[in-house]
Amino acid sequence: MPDAAPPPSEESDSESNASERKAIQAIGAAGLEPGSSPNLMQLAASGTQLATYTLILGAAGYAIDHFRGHAIPWFAIAGSLVGFTLGMYRLIVLAIRS
């Protein structure tokens, strides 16, 4: 049977606890501590919303153009622009609030 590893010393425990405390403080300073408002996460979600609005409204416009038989996809272009505008509005509002 191989020799068991020696138990960790108290010095290494205190060093790891100190590094854990520093990491927790850094997370709290970034606004990611549980119970606080996660500003970075809200802004990241807003970026996802921007892409989603653009894709969904662009796809809806494309569907309208397809069913109406348009050669130039005007509704797809308009839908994409409206989606991008709504997404940017949402991003700007959240950035101002945080």
C-alpha atoms as a PDB file:
ATOM      1  CA  MET A   1       0.000   0.000   0.000  1.00  0.00           C
ATOM      2  CA  PRO A   2       1.551   3.370  -0.991  1.00  0.00           C
ATOM      3  CA  ASP A   3       2.330   5.887   1.683  1.00  0.00           C
ATOM      4  CA  ALA A   4      -0.491   8.325   2.342  1.00  0.00           C
ATOM      5  CA  ALA A   5       0.170  11.971   1.641  1.00  0.00           C
ATOM      6  CA  PRO A   6       1.014  13.965   4.727  1.00  0.00           C
ATOM      7  CA  PRO A   7      -1.803  16.125   6.076  1.00  0.00           C
ATOM      8  CA  PRO A   8      -1.669  19.722   4.847  1.00  0.00           C
ATOM      9  CA  SER A   9       0.100  22.088   7.138  1.00  0.00           C
ATOM     10  CA  GLU A  10      -1.633  24.978   8.827  1.00  0.00           C
ATOM     11  CA  GLU A  11       0.447  27.442   6.813  1.00  0.00           C
ATOM     12  CA  SER A  12      -0.897  26.179   3.477  1.00  0.00           C
ATOM     13  CA  ASP A  13      -4.465  26.315   4.850  1.00  0.00           C
ATOM     14  CA  SER A  14      -4.094  29.939   5.894  1.00  0.00           C
ATOM     15  CA  GLU A  15      -2.572  30.825   2.508  1.00  0.00           C
ATOM     16  CA  SER A  16      -5.407  29.164   0.611  1.00  0.00           C
ATOM     17  CA  ASN A  17      -7.993  30.851   2.850  1.00  0.00           C
ATOM     18  CA  ALA A  18      -6.356  34.220   2.211  1.00  0.00           C
ATOM     19  CA  SER A  19      -6.413  33.653  -1.560  1.00  0.00           C
ATOM     20  CA  GLU A  20     -10.061  32.562  -1.371  1.00  0.00           C
ATOM     21  CA  ARG A  21     -10.944  35.715   0.564  1.00  0.00           C
ATOM     22  CA  LYS A  22      -9.179  37.866  -2.051  1.00  0.00           C
ATOM     23  CA  ALA A  23     -11.083  36.126  -4.862  1.00  0.00           C
ATOM     24  CA  ILE A  24     -14.403  36.628  -3.074  1.00  0.00           C
ATOM     25  CA  GLN A  25     -13.607  40.313  -2.515  1.00  0.00           C
ATOM     26  CA  ALA A  26     -12.723  40.729  -6.204  1.00  0.00           C
ATOM     27  CA  ILE A  27     -16.003  39.119  -7.235  1.00  0.00           C
ATOM     28  CA  GLY A  28     -17.904  41.384  -4.845  1.00  0.00           C
ATOM     29  CA  ALA A  29     -16.130  44.443  -6.257  1.00  0.00           C
ATOM     30  CA  ALA A  30     -17.248  43.452  -9.770  1.00  0.00           C
ATOM     31  CA  GLY A  31     -20.874  43.398  -8.645  1.00  0.00           C
ATOM     32  CA  LEU A  32     -21.211  39.621  -8.987  1.00  0.00           C
ATOM     33  CA  GLU A  33     -21.711  38.761  -5.333  1.00  0.00           C
ATOM     34  CA  PRO A  34     -24.967  36.905  -4.627  1.00  0.00           C
ATOM     35  CA  GLY A  35     -27.699  39.354  -3.743  1.00  0.00           C
ATOM     36  CA  SER A  36     -26.103  42.308  -5.521  1.00  0.00           C
ATOM     37  CA  SER A  37     -27.010  43.635  -8.932  1.00  0.00           C
ATOM     38  CA  PRO A  38     -24.813  41.867 -11.503  1.00  0.00           C
ATOM     39  CA  ASN A  39     -24.102  44.800 -13.812  1.00  0.00           C
ATOM     40  CA  LEU A  40     -21.741  42.881 -16.065  1.00  0.00           C
ATOM     41  CA  MET A  41     -24.184  40.033 -16.489  1.00  0.00           C
ATOM     42  CA  GLN A  42     -27.034  42.415 -17.317  1.00  0.00           C
ATOM     43  CA  LEU A  43     -24.953  44.087 -20.018  1.00  0.00           C
ATOM     44  CA  ALA A  44     -23.935  40.729 -21.462  1.00  0.00           C
ATOM     45  CA  ALA A  45     -27.577  39.666 -21.554  1.00  0.00           C
ATOM     46  CA  SER A  46     -28.434  42.924 -23.271  1.00  0.00           C
ATOM     47  CA  GLY A  47     -25.914  42.150 -26.009  1.00  0.00           C
ATOM     48  CA  THR A  48     -27.601  38.793 -26.513  1.00  0.00           C
ATOM     49  CA  GLN A  49     -30.961  40.543 -26.704  1.00  0.00           C
ATOM     50  CA  LEU A  50     -29.584  42.870 -29.374  1.00  0.00           C
ATOM     51  CA  ALA A  51     -28.605  39.916 -31.552  1.00  0.00           C
ATOM     52  CA  THR A  52     -31.882  38.121 -30.856  1.00  0.00           C
ATOM     53  CA  TYR A  53     -34.064  41.120 -31.752  1.00  0.00           C
ATOM     54  CA  THR A  54     -32.110  41.637 -34.954  1.00  0.00           C
ATOM     55  CA  LEU A  55     -32.308  37.996 -36.024  1.00  0.00           C
ATOM     56  CA  ILE A  56     -35.959  37.472 -35.148  1.00  0.00           C
ATOM     57  CA  LEU A  57     -37.236  40.635 -36.798  1.00  0.00           C
ATOM     58  CA  GLY A  58     -34.960  40.110 -39.789  1.00  0.00           C
ATOM     59  CA  ALA A  59     -36.268  36.543 -40.174  1.00  0.00           C
ATOM     60  CA  ALA A  60     -39.859  37.764 -39.896  1.00  0.00           C
ATOM     61  CA  GLY A  61     -39.170  40.333 -42.603  1.00  0.00           C
ATOM     62  CA  TYR A  62     -37.554  37.666 -44.762  1.00  0.00           C
ATOM     63  CA  ALA A  63     -40.641  35.464 -44.375  1.00  0.00           C
ATOM     64  CA  ILE A  64     -42.897  38.338 -45.454  1.00  0.00           C
ATOM     65  CA  ASP A  65     -40.672  39.019 -48.459  1.00  0.00           C
ATOM     66  CA  HIS A  66     -40.630  35.326 -49.366  1.00  0.00           C
ATOM     67  CA  PHE A  67     -44.419  34.923 -49.228  1.00  0.00           C
ATOM     68  CA  ARG A  68     -45.037  38.151 -51.141  1.00  0.00           C
ATOM     69  CA  GLY A  69     -42.451  37.217 -53.776  1.00  0.00           C
ATOM     70  CA  HIS A  70     -40.283  40.340 -53.519  1.00  0.00           C
ATOM     71  CA  ALA A  71     -37.053  40.324 -55.499  1.00  0.00           C
ATOM     72  CA  ILE A  72     -35.427  42.785 -53.102  1.00  0.00           C
ATOM     73  CA  PRO A  73     -35.856  41.848 -49.401  1.00  0.00           C
ATOM     74  CA  TRP A  74     -37.122  45.222 -48.168  1.00  0.00           C
ATOM     75  CA  PHE A  75     -39.012  43.796 -45.198  1.00  0.00           C
ATOM     76  CA  ALA A  76     -35.979  41.746 -44.126  1.00  0.00           C
ATOM     77  CA  ILE A  77     -33.802  44.859 -44.252  1.00  0.00           C
ATOM     78  CA  ALA A  78     -36.411  46.925 -42.381  1.00  0.00           C
ATOM     79  CA  GLY A  79     -36.931  44.164 -39.786  1.00  0.00           C
ATOM     80  CA  SER A  80     -33.201  43.864 -39.179  1.00  0.00           C
ATOM     81  CA  LEU A  81     -32.834  47.629 -38.756  1.00  0.00           C
ATOM     82  CA  VAL A  82     -35.798  47.831 -36.372  1.00  0.00           C
ATOM     83  CA  GLY A  83     -34.457  44.859 -34.365  1.00  0.00           C
ATOM     84  CA  PHE A  84     -30.998  46.404 -34.167  1.00  0.00           C
ATOM     85  CA  THR A  85     -32.492  49.731 -33.082  1.00  0.00           C
ATOM     86  CA  LEU A  86     -34.578  48.089 -30.343  1.00  0.00           C
ATOM     87  CA  GLY A  87     -31.584  46.071 -29.145  1.00  0.00           C
ATOM     88  CA  MET A  88     -29.322  49.126 -29.038  1.00  0.00           C
ATOM     89  CA  TYR A  89     -32.003  51.069 -27.159  1.00  0.00           C
ATOM     90  CA  ARG A  90     -32.206  48.297 -24.567  1.00  0.00           C
ATOM     91  CA  LEU A  91     -28.405  48.148 -24.276  1.00  0.00           C
ATOM     92  CA  ILE A  92     -28.104  51.922 -23.823  1.00  0.00           C
ATOM     93  CA  VAL A  93     -30.874  52.044 -21.207  1.00  0.00           C
ATOM     94  CA  LEU A  94     -29.210  49.270 -19.160  1.00  0.00           C
ATOM     95  CA  ALA A  95     -25.777  50.876 -19.513  1.00  0.00           C
ATOM     96  CA  ILE A  96     -27.114  54.201 -18.233  1.00  0.00           C
ATOM     97  CA  ARG A  97     -28.862  52.538 -15.268  1.00  0.00           C
ATOM     98  CA  SER A  98     -25.746  50.661 -14.161  1.00  0.00           C
END
